Amino acid sequence: MNILPIFFVFLYFSSIFSKNRNKKIKIQKKN
């Protein structure tokens, strides 16, 4: 079993999660 693909998928989802979290933080700062 190769672990690399799983690692890249994890990085992909973590990057999406961080972007969504940053958007929420920016919205909260505006309000």
PDB file of N, CA and C in Angstrom:
ATOM      1  N   MET A   1       0.852  -1.208   0.000  1.00  0.00           N
ATOM      2  CA  MET A   1       0.000   0.000   0.000  1.00  0.00           C
ATOM      3  C   MET A   1       0.882   1.249   0.000  1.00  0.00           C
ATOM      4  N   ASN A   2       0.556   2.179  -0.882  1.00  0.00           N
ATOM      5  CA  ASN A   2       1.349   3.410  -0.976  1.00  0.00           C
ATOM      6  C   ASN A   2       0.695   4.504  -0.143  1.00  0.00           C
ATOM      7  N   ILE A   3       1.490   5.142   0.683  1.00  0.00           N
ATOM      8  CA  ILE A   3       0.943   6.163   1.591  1.00  0.00           C
ATOM      9  C   ILE A   3       0.943   7.558   0.945  1.00  0.00           C
ATOM     10  N   LEU A   4       1.755   7.744  -0.071  1.00  0.00           N
ATOM     11  CA  LEU A   4       1.860   9.084  -0.687  1.00  0.00           C
ATOM     12  C   LEU A   4       0.521   9.645  -1.157  1.00  0.00           C
ATOM     13  N   PRO A   5      -0.293   8.913  -1.906  1.00  0.00           N
ATOM     14  CA  PRO A   5      -1.581   9.476  -2.354  1.00  0.00           C
ATOM     15  C   PRO A   5      -2.432   9.930  -1.186  1.00  0.00           C
ATOM     16  N   ILE A   6      -2.455   9.168  -0.120  1.00  0.00           N
ATOM     17  CA  ILE A   6      -3.251   9.543   1.064  1.00  0.00           C
ATOM     18  C   ILE A   6      -2.701  10.848   1.646  1.00  0.00           C
ATOM     19  N   PHE A   7      -1.385  10.969   1.661  1.00  0.00           N
ATOM     20  CA  PHE A   7      -0.756  12.176   2.198  1.00  0.00           C
ATOM     21  C   PHE A   7      -1.155  13.400   1.382  1.00  0.00           C
ATOM     22  N   PHE A   8      -1.148  13.271   0.060  1.00  0.00           N
ATOM     23  CA  PHE A   8      -1.515  14.414  -0.784  1.00  0.00           C
ATOM     24  C   PHE A   8      -2.990  14.765  -0.628  1.00  0.00           C
ATOM     25  N   VAL A   9      -3.827  13.760  -0.496  1.00  0.00           N
ATOM     26  CA  VAL A   9      -5.260  14.017  -0.283  1.00  0.00           C
ATOM     27  C   VAL A   9      -5.449  14.769   1.031  1.00  0.00           C
ATOM     28  N   PHE A  10      -4.701  14.366   2.053  1.00  0.00           N
ATOM     29  CA  PHE A  10      -4.786  15.053   3.339  1.00  0.00           C
ATOM     30  C   PHE A  10      -4.361  16.514   3.199  1.00  0.00           C
ATOM     31  N   LEU A  11      -3.282  16.759   2.489  1.00  0.00           N
ATOM     32  CA  LEU A  11      -2.827  18.142   2.279  1.00  0.00           C
ATOM     33  C   LEU A  11      -3.889  18.938   1.526  1.00  0.00           C
ATOM     34  N   TYR A  12      -4.515  18.313   0.540  1.00  0.00           N
ATOM     35  CA  TYR A  12      -5.535  18.996  -0.269  1.00  0.00           C
ATOM     36  C   TYR A  12      -6.712  19.424   0.609  1.00  0.00           C
ATOM     37  N   PHE A  13      -7.214  18.496   1.415  1.00  0.00           N
ATOM     38  CA  PHE A  13      -8.367  18.823   2.263  1.00  0.00           C
ATOM     39  C   PHE A  13      -7.976  19.819   3.351  1.00  0.00           C
ATOM     40  N   SER A  14      -6.787  19.696   3.897  1.00  0.00           N
ATOM     41  CA  SER A  14      -6.357  20.634   4.938  1.00  0.00           C
ATOM     42  C   SER A  14      -6.233  22.046   4.373  1.00  0.00           C
ATOM     43  N   SER A  15      -5.772  22.161   3.124  1.00  0.00           N
ATOM     44  CA  SER A  15      -5.673  23.492   2.505  1.00  0.00           C
ATOM     45  C   SER A  15      -7.064  24.083   2.297  1.00  0.00           C
ATOM     46  N   ILE A  16      -8.013  23.265   1.871  1.00  0.00           N
ATOM     47  CA  ILE A  16      -9.390  23.747   1.689  1.00  0.00           C
ATOM     48  C   ILE A  16      -9.959  24.178   3.040  1.00  0.00           C
ATOM     49  N   PHE A  17      -9.715  23.371   4.051  1.00  0.00           N
ATOM     50  CA  PHE A  17     -10.242  23.688   5.381  1.00  0.00           C
ATOM     51  C   PHE A  17      -9.660  25.017   5.882  1.00  0.00           C
ATOM     52  N   SER A  18      -8.369  25.216   5.693  1.00  0.00           N
ATOM     53  CA  SER A  18      -7.740  26.459   6.155  1.00  0.00           C
ATOM     54  C   SER A  18      -8.304  27.659   5.396  1.00  0.00           C
ATOM     55  N   LYS A  19      -8.575  27.506   4.102  1.00  0.00           N
ATOM     56  CA  LYS A  19      -9.158  28.613   3.323  1.00  0.00           C
ATOM     57  C   LYS A  19     -10.549  28.945   3.862  1.00  0.00           C
ATOM     58  N   ASN A  20     -11.359  27.933   4.113  1.00  0.00           N
ATOM     59  CA  ASN A  20     -12.708  28.169   4.623  1.00  0.00           C
ATOM     60  C   ASN A  20     -12.641  28.834   5.989  1.00  0.00           C
ATOM     61  N   ARG A  21     -11.711  28.404   6.828  1.00  0.00           N
ATOM     62  CA  ARG A  21     -11.576  28.983   8.163  1.00  0.00           C
ATOM     63  C   ARG A  21     -11.147  30.448   8.042  1.00  0.00           C
ATOM     64  N   ASN A  22     -10.240  30.752   7.130  1.00  0.00           N
ATOM     65  CA  ASN A  22      -9.800  32.136   6.951  1.00  0.00           C
ATOM     66  C   ASN A  22     -10.967  33.000   6.479  1.00  0.00           C
ATOM     67  N   LYS A  23     -11.800  32.492   5.593  1.00  0.00           N
ATOM     68  CA  LYS A  23     -12.963  33.255   5.125  1.00  0.00           C
ATOM     69  C   LYS A  23     -13.887  33.560   6.303  1.00  0.00           C
ATOM     70  N   LYS A  24     -14.127  32.579   7.161  1.00  0.00           N
ATOM     71  CA  LYS A  24     -15.005  32.793   8.309  1.00  0.00           C
ATOM     72  C   LYS A  24     -14.406  33.845   9.234  1.00  0.00           C
ATOM     73  N   ILE A  25     -13.107  33.788   9.444  1.00  0.00           N
ATOM     74  CA  ILE A  25     -12.445  34.763  10.327  1.00  0.00           C
ATOM     75  C   ILE A  25     -12.579  36.170   9.725  1.00  0.00           C
ATOM     76  N   LYS A  26     -12.374  36.304   8.425  1.00  0.00           N
ATOM     77  CA  LYS A  26     -12.491  37.625   7.783  1.00  0.00           C
ATOM     78  C   LYS A  26     -13.918  38.159   7.929  1.00  0.00           C
ATOM     79  N   ILE A  27     -14.896  37.293   7.741  1.00  0.00           N
ATOM     80  CA  ILE A  27     -16.299  37.726   7.857  1.00  0.00           C
ATOM     81  C   ILE A  27     -16.567  38.192   9.293  1.00  0.00           C
ATOM     82  N   GLN A  28     -16.054  37.466  10.263  1.00  0.00           N
ATOM     83  CA  GLN A  28     -16.266  37.842  11.663  1.00  0.00           C
ATOM     84  C   GLN A  28     -15.608  39.199  11.954  1.00  0.00           C
ATOM     85  N   LYS A  29     -14.451  39.444  11.396  1.00  0.00           N
ATOM     86  CA  LYS A  29     -13.773  40.725  11.623  1.00  0.00           C
ATOM     87  C   LYS A  29     -14.594  41.872  11.023  1.00  0.00           C
ATOM     88  N   LYS A  30     -15.178  41.656   9.854  1.00  0.00           N
ATOM     89  CA  LYS A  30     -16.007  42.710   9.246  1.00  0.00           C
ATOM     90  C   LYS A  30     -17.195  43.027  10.139  1.00  0.00           C
ATOM     91  N   ASN A  31     -17.810  41.991  10.704  1.00  0.00           N
ATOM     92  CA  ASN A  31     -18.965  42.213  11.576  1.00  0.00           C
ATOM     93  C   ASN A  31     -18.502  42.542  12.972  1.00  0.00           C
TER      94      ASN A  31
END
